[in-house]
Amino acid sequence: MKVKIILNGGLKSCCSSYSAKQIYEIVKSWLKDSDSLDVVDITINEWTFDELSELAKNYFKERIFPLVYIDDVLISIGSIPDANSLNMIGKNPQEYSISKEDILRVAKENGLI
């Protein structure tokens, strides 16, 4: 399983802030040795938005971060799944993939379209 997490200046909640390095260490502890993990902070490293993440960014702006990919499939926008969920999704990421229709539906539900 190849996991990629895209951050924008780390991960921030109401009470805490985590750097890309801290996110890497936390998530790596959830994975098997054979799994790979890449954590990219776009404020430090260049990263190109794909079609789905660009669409999400157009509607949800900075709230899309973190983006989570498994085997190059977008599986989460705005949060990192917990350890159990991440490993379960990793068995069949296509089943949990986020589609253009999913993004448009949520944008419409939130009055953004």
N, C-alpha and C. Protein backbone atom coordinates (compact mmCIF):
# COMPACT_ATOMS: atom_id res chain seq x y z
N MET A 1 0.86 -1.18 0.00
CA MET A 1 0.00 0.00 0.00
C MET A 1 0.90 1.23 0.00
N LYS A 2 0.56 2.19 -0.85
CA LYS A 2 1.29 3.44 -0.95
C LYS A 2 0.36 4.57 -0.50
N VAL A 3 0.69 5.19 0.62
CA VAL A 3 -0.13 6.26 1.19
C VAL A 3 0.57 7.60 0.94
N LYS A 4 -0.22 8.57 0.49
CA LYS A 4 0.30 9.93 0.31
C LYS A 4 -0.66 10.89 0.99
N ILE A 5 -0.11 11.75 1.84
CA ILE A 5 -0.90 12.75 2.55
C ILE A 5 -0.40 14.13 2.14
N ILE A 6 -1.31 14.97 1.72
CA ILE A 6 -0.98 16.33 1.28
C ILE A 6 -1.48 17.31 2.34
N LEU A 7 -0.55 18.11 2.86
CA LEU A 7 -0.87 19.10 3.89
C LEU A 7 -0.62 20.51 3.35
N ASN A 8 -1.19 21.48 4.03
CA ASN A 8 -0.95 22.88 3.71
C ASN A 8 -0.52 23.57 4.99
N GLY A 9 0.79 23.48 5.29
CA GLY A 9 1.29 24.08 6.51
C GLY A 9 1.10 23.20 7.74
N GLY A 10 1.06 21.90 7.56
CA GLY A 10 0.85 20.98 8.67
C GLY A 10 -0.63 20.67 8.85
N LEU A 11 -0.96 20.12 9.99
CA LEU A 11 -2.34 19.77 10.32
C LEU A 11 -2.72 20.54 11.58
N LYS A 12 -3.80 21.29 11.48
CA LYS A 12 -4.21 22.12 12.61
C LYS A 12 -5.62 21.75 13.05
N SER A 13 -5.81 21.71 14.35
CA SER A 13 -7.14 21.54 14.92
C SER A 13 -7.37 22.72 15.86
N CYS A 14 -8.47 22.70 16.56
CA CYS A 14 -8.76 23.81 17.47
C CYS A 14 -7.70 23.95 18.56
N CYS A 15 -7.10 22.85 18.94
CA CYS A 15 -6.22 22.87 20.11
C CYS A 15 -4.78 22.48 19.82
N SER A 16 -4.50 21.91 18.65
CA SER A 16 -3.17 21.38 18.37
C SER A 16 -2.74 21.69 16.95
N SER A 17 -1.44 21.60 16.75
CA SER A 17 -0.87 21.75 15.42
C SER A 17 0.21 20.68 15.26
N TYR A 18 0.22 20.03 14.10
CA TYR A 18 1.18 18.96 13.83
C TYR A 18 1.92 19.26 12.54
N SER A 19 3.23 19.12 12.58
CA SER A 19 4.04 19.33 11.38
C SER A 19 3.95 18.12 10.47
N ALA A 20 4.42 18.27 9.24
CA ALA A 20 4.45 17.15 8.30
C ALA A 20 5.27 16.00 8.88
N LYS A 21 6.36 16.32 9.55
CA LYS A 21 7.21 15.28 10.15
C LYS A 21 6.43 14.52 11.24
N GLN A 22 5.69 15.23 12.08
CA GLN A 22 4.90 14.57 13.12
C GLN A 22 3.81 13.69 12.51
N ILE A 23 3.14 14.19 11.47
CA ILE A 23 2.11 13.39 10.79
C ILE A 23 2.75 12.14 10.21
N TYR A 24 3.92 12.28 9.60
CA TYR A 24 4.62 11.13 9.04
C TYR A 24 4.87 10.08 10.13
N GLU A 25 5.41 10.50 11.25
CA GLU A 25 5.74 9.56 12.33
C GLU A 25 4.49 8.87 12.88
N ILE A 26 3.41 9.61 13.04
CA ILE A 26 2.17 9.03 13.57
C ILE A 26 1.60 8.01 12.59
N VAL A 27 1.42 8.42 11.34
CA VAL A 27 0.78 7.54 10.35
C VAL A 27 1.68 6.35 10.02
N LYS A 28 2.99 6.55 9.97
CA LYS A 28 3.91 5.44 9.68
C LYS A 28 3.76 4.34 10.72
N SER A 29 3.49 4.70 11.96
CA SER A 29 3.33 3.69 13.02
C SER A 29 2.08 2.84 12.80
N TRP A 30 1.16 3.29 11.97
CA TRP A 30 -0.07 2.55 11.68
C TRP A 30 0.12 1.54 10.55
N LEU A 31 1.20 1.70 9.78
CA LEU A 31 1.37 0.93 8.55
C LEU A 31 2.32 -0.24 8.73
N LYS A 32 2.23 -1.19 7.80
CA LYS A 32 3.17 -2.31 7.77
C LYS A 32 4.49 -1.82 7.20
N ASP A 33 5.57 -2.55 7.49
CA ASP A 33 6.88 -2.18 6.98
C ASP A 33 6.91 -2.14 5.45
N SER A 34 6.10 -2.98 4.82
CA SER A 34 6.08 -3.03 3.36
C SER A 34 5.31 -1.87 2.73
N ASP A 35 4.55 -1.13 3.53
CA ASP A 35 3.79 0.01 3.02
C ASP A 35 4.71 1.23 2.90
N SER A 36 4.39 2.10 1.96
CA SER A 36 5.16 3.34 1.84
C SER A 36 4.28 4.53 2.22
N LEU A 37 4.93 5.56 2.72
CA LEU A 37 4.22 6.76 3.15
C LEU A 37 4.98 7.98 2.67
N ASP A 38 4.25 8.92 2.09
CA ASP A 38 4.81 10.19 1.67
C ASP A 38 3.90 11.28 2.22
N VAL A 39 4.48 12.20 2.97
CA VAL A 39 3.72 13.34 3.49
C VAL A 39 4.30 14.59 2.86
N VAL A 40 3.46 15.32 2.14
CA VAL A 40 3.90 16.51 1.41
C VAL A 40 3.22 17.73 2.00
N ASP A 41 4.03 18.71 2.40
CA ASP A 41 3.50 20.00 2.85
C ASP A 41 3.69 20.96 1.69
N ILE A 42 2.59 21.42 1.10
CA ILE A 42 2.70 22.24 -0.11
C ILE A 42 3.29 23.63 0.17
N THR A 43 3.43 24.01 1.43
CA THR A 43 4.10 25.27 1.73
C THR A 43 5.62 25.11 1.65
N ILE A 44 6.08 23.86 1.62
CA ILE A 44 7.52 23.58 1.57
C ILE A 44 7.91 22.90 0.25
N ASN A 45 7.10 21.93 -0.17
CA ASN A 45 7.40 21.14 -1.36
C ASN A 45 6.37 21.42 -2.45
N GLU A 46 6.84 21.39 -3.68
CA GLU A 46 5.93 21.59 -4.81
C GLU A 46 5.06 20.36 -4.98
N TRP A 47 3.79 20.59 -5.27
CA TRP A 47 2.85 19.51 -5.52
C TRP A 47 1.82 20.02 -6.50
N THR A 48 1.45 19.19 -7.46
CA THR A 48 0.48 19.59 -8.48
C THR A 48 -0.87 18.94 -8.18
N PHE A 49 -1.90 19.76 -8.12
CA PHE A 49 -3.25 19.24 -7.89
C PHE A 49 -3.69 18.43 -9.09
N ASP A 50 -4.32 17.28 -8.83
CA ASP A 50 -4.91 16.50 -9.91
C ASP A 50 -6.33 17.04 -10.15
N GLU A 51 -7.03 16.46 -11.09
CA GLU A 51 -8.35 16.96 -11.48
C GLU A 51 -9.33 16.98 -10.30
N LEU A 52 -9.36 15.90 -9.51
CA LEU A 52 -10.31 15.84 -8.40
C LEU A 52 -9.96 16.82 -7.28
N SER A 53 -8.68 16.86 -6.91
CA SER A 53 -8.30 17.77 -5.83
C SER A 53 -8.46 19.23 -6.25
N GLU A 54 -8.23 19.52 -7.52
CA GLU A 54 -8.44 20.89 -8.04
C GLU A 54 -9.92 21.26 -7.97
N LEU A 55 -10.78 20.33 -8.35
CA LEU A 55 -12.23 20.57 -8.28
C LEU A 55 -12.65 20.83 -6.83
N ALA A 56 -12.17 19.99 -5.92
CA ALA A 56 -12.50 20.17 -4.50
C ALA A 56 -12.00 21.52 -4.00
N LYS A 57 -10.79 21.89 -4.39
CA LYS A 57 -10.22 23.16 -3.96
C LYS A 57 -11.05 24.34 -4.47
N ASN A 58 -11.57 24.23 -5.68
CA ASN A 58 -12.40 25.31 -6.23
C ASN A 58 -13.63 25.57 -5.38
N TYR A 59 -14.20 24.53 -4.79
CA TYR A 59 -15.40 24.69 -3.97
C TYR A 59 -15.10 24.90 -2.49
N PHE A 60 -14.16 24.14 -1.97
CA PHE A 60 -13.96 24.10 -0.52
C PHE A 60 -12.72 24.85 -0.04
N LYS A 61 -11.96 25.41 -0.97
CA LYS A 61 -10.77 26.22 -0.67
C LYS A 61 -9.78 25.43 0.21
N GLU A 62 -9.28 26.07 1.25
CA GLU A 62 -8.25 25.45 2.09
C GLU A 62 -8.79 24.33 2.99
N ARG A 63 -10.10 24.20 3.06
CA ARG A 63 -10.69 23.15 3.91
C ARG A 63 -10.48 21.75 3.35
N ILE A 64 -9.92 21.65 2.14
CA ILE A 64 -9.70 20.31 1.57
C ILE A 64 -8.54 19.58 2.24
N PHE A 65 -7.68 20.31 2.93
CA PHE A 65 -6.50 19.67 3.52
C PHE A 65 -6.80 19.06 4.87
N PRO A 66 -6.25 17.91 5.17
CA PRO A 66 -5.35 17.11 4.35
C PRO A 66 -6.10 16.32 3.27
N LEU A 67 -5.40 16.08 2.18
CA LEU A 67 -5.85 15.15 1.15
C LEU A 67 -5.13 13.84 1.39
N VAL A 68 -5.83 12.73 1.25
CA VAL A 68 -5.21 11.42 1.47
C VAL A 68 -5.44 10.55 0.24
N TYR A 69 -4.34 10.01 -0.26
CA TYR A 69 -4.37 9.09 -1.39
C TYR A 69 -3.83 7.74 -0.94
N ILE A 70 -4.43 6.68 -1.46
CA ILE A 70 -3.87 5.34 -1.31
C ILE A 70 -3.72 4.77 -2.71
N ASP A 71 -2.51 4.36 -3.03
CA ASP A 71 -2.21 3.84 -4.36
C ASP A 71 -2.71 4.78 -5.45
N ASP A 72 -2.47 6.08 -5.25
CA ASP A 72 -2.84 7.15 -6.18
C ASP A 72 -4.34 7.34 -6.35
N VAL A 73 -5.13 6.82 -5.43
CA VAL A 73 -6.59 6.99 -5.44
C VAL A 73 -6.95 7.94 -4.29
N LEU A 74 -7.66 9.02 -4.60
CA LEU A 74 -8.09 9.97 -3.57
C LEU A 74 -9.16 9.32 -2.72
N ILE A 75 -8.86 9.16 -1.41
CA ILE A 75 -9.81 8.47 -0.53
C ILE A 75 -10.33 9.36 0.61
N SER A 76 -9.73 10.54 0.80
CA SER A 76 -10.20 11.40 1.89
C SER A 76 -9.85 12.85 1.61
N ILE A 77 -10.80 13.73 1.88
CA ILE A 77 -10.62 15.17 1.75
C ILE A 77 -10.95 15.79 3.10
N GLY A 78 -10.00 16.54 3.65
CA GLY A 78 -10.26 17.28 4.88
C GLY A 78 -9.96 16.56 6.17
N SER A 79 -9.58 15.29 6.10
CA SER A 79 -9.24 14.56 7.33
C SER A 79 -8.40 13.34 6.98
N ILE A 80 -7.70 12.85 7.98
CA ILE A 80 -6.92 11.62 7.84
C ILE A 80 -7.70 10.51 8.53
N PRO A 81 -8.02 9.44 7.81
CA PRO A 81 -8.72 8.32 8.46
C PRO A 81 -7.89 7.76 9.62
N ASP A 82 -8.56 7.18 10.61
CA ASP A 82 -7.84 6.56 11.72
C ASP A 82 -7.11 5.31 11.22
N ALA A 83 -6.27 4.74 12.06
CA ALA A 83 -5.42 3.61 11.68
C ALA A 83 -6.21 2.44 11.11
N ASN A 84 -7.27 2.04 11.80
CA ASN A 84 -8.06 0.89 11.33
C ASN A 84 -8.72 1.18 9.99
N SER A 85 -9.30 2.35 9.86
CA SER A 85 -9.96 2.71 8.60
C SER A 85 -8.96 2.79 7.45
N LEU A 86 -7.81 3.39 7.71
CA LEU A 86 -6.80 3.53 6.67
C LEU A 86 -6.36 2.16 6.15
N ASN A 87 -6.12 1.23 7.06
CA ASN A 87 -5.71 -0.11 6.65
C ASN A 87 -6.83 -0.87 5.97
N MET A 88 -8.07 -0.67 6.39
CA MET A 88 -9.20 -1.32 5.73
C MET A 88 -9.37 -0.77 4.31
N ILE A 89 -9.32 0.55 4.18
CA ILE A 89 -9.45 1.18 2.86
C ILE A 89 -8.32 0.74 1.95
N GLY A 90 -7.14 0.56 2.52
CA GLY A 90 -5.97 0.15 1.74
C GLY A 90 -6.12 -1.19 1.06
N LYS A 91 -7.01 -2.02 1.55
CA LYS A 91 -7.24 -3.34 0.92
C LYS A 91 -7.94 -3.20 -0.42
N ASN A 92 -8.73 -2.14 -0.60
CA ASN A 92 -9.44 -1.91 -1.85
C ASN A 92 -9.76 -0.42 -1.99
N PRO A 93 -8.74 0.41 -2.26
CA PRO A 93 -8.98 1.86 -2.30
C PRO A 93 -10.00 2.30 -3.34
N GLN A 94 -10.13 1.57 -4.44
CA GLN A 94 -11.11 1.95 -5.46
C GLN A 94 -12.54 1.95 -4.90
N GLU A 95 -12.80 1.04 -3.98
CA GLU A 95 -14.14 0.95 -3.39
C GLU A 95 -14.48 2.21 -2.59
N TYR A 96 -13.46 2.87 -2.06
CA TYR A 96 -13.67 4.04 -1.20
C TYR A 96 -13.25 5.34 -1.88
N SER A 97 -12.99 5.29 -3.17
CA SER A 97 -12.48 6.46 -3.88
C SER A 97 -13.51 7.59 -3.91
N ILE A 98 -13.01 8.80 -3.92
CA ILE A 98 -13.86 9.98 -4.03
C ILE A 98 -13.96 10.33 -5.51
N SER A 99 -15.19 10.53 -5.97
CA SER A 99 -15.42 10.81 -7.39
C SER A 99 -15.77 12.29 -7.59
N LYS A 100 -15.77 12.70 -8.83
CA LYS A 100 -16.20 14.05 -9.19
C LYS A 100 -17.64 14.27 -8.72
N GLU A 101 -18.47 13.25 -8.90
CA GLU A 101 -19.87 13.35 -8.48
C GLU A 101 -20.00 13.53 -6.97
N ASP A 102 -19.14 12.85 -6.20
CA ASP A 102 -19.15 13.01 -4.74
C ASP A 102 -18.85 14.46 -4.35
N ILE A 103 -17.83 15.02 -4.98
CA ILE A 103 -17.43 16.40 -4.67
C ILE A 103 -18.55 17.37 -5.03
N LEU A 104 -19.13 17.21 -6.21
CA LEU A 104 -20.22 18.10 -6.64
C LEU A 104 -21.45 17.96 -5.74
N ARG A 105 -21.75 16.74 -5.32
CA ARG A 105 -22.91 16.51 -4.44
C ARG A 105 -22.72 17.24 -3.11
N VAL A 106 -21.54 17.11 -2.50
CA VAL A 106 -21.29 17.76 -1.21
C VAL A 106 -21.26 19.28 -1.38
N ALA A 107 -20.69 19.75 -2.47
CA ALA A 107 -20.69 21.20 -2.73
C ALA A 107 -22.12 21.72 -2.84
N LYS A 108 -22.98 20.97 -3.53
CA LYS A 108 -24.38 21.38 -3.67
C LYS A 108 -25.10 21.34 -2.33
N GLU A 109 -24.86 20.28 -1.55
CA GLU A 109 -25.49 20.15 -0.22
C GLU A 109 -25.11 21.31 0.69
N ASN A 110 -23.92 21.88 0.46
CA ASN A 110 -23.44 22.98 1.29
C ASN A 110 -23.70 24.35 0.66
N GLY A 111 -24.53 24.37 -0.38
CA GLY A 111 -24.91 25.63 -1.01
C GLY A 111 -23.80 26.31 -1.79
N LEU A 112 -22.82 25.55 -2.23
CA LEU A 112 -21.69 26.14 -2.95
C LEU A 112 -21.88 26.11 -4.47
N ILE A 113 -22.93 25.43 -4.90
CA ILE A 113 -23.26 25.37 -6.34
C ILE A 113 -24.64 25.98 -6.52
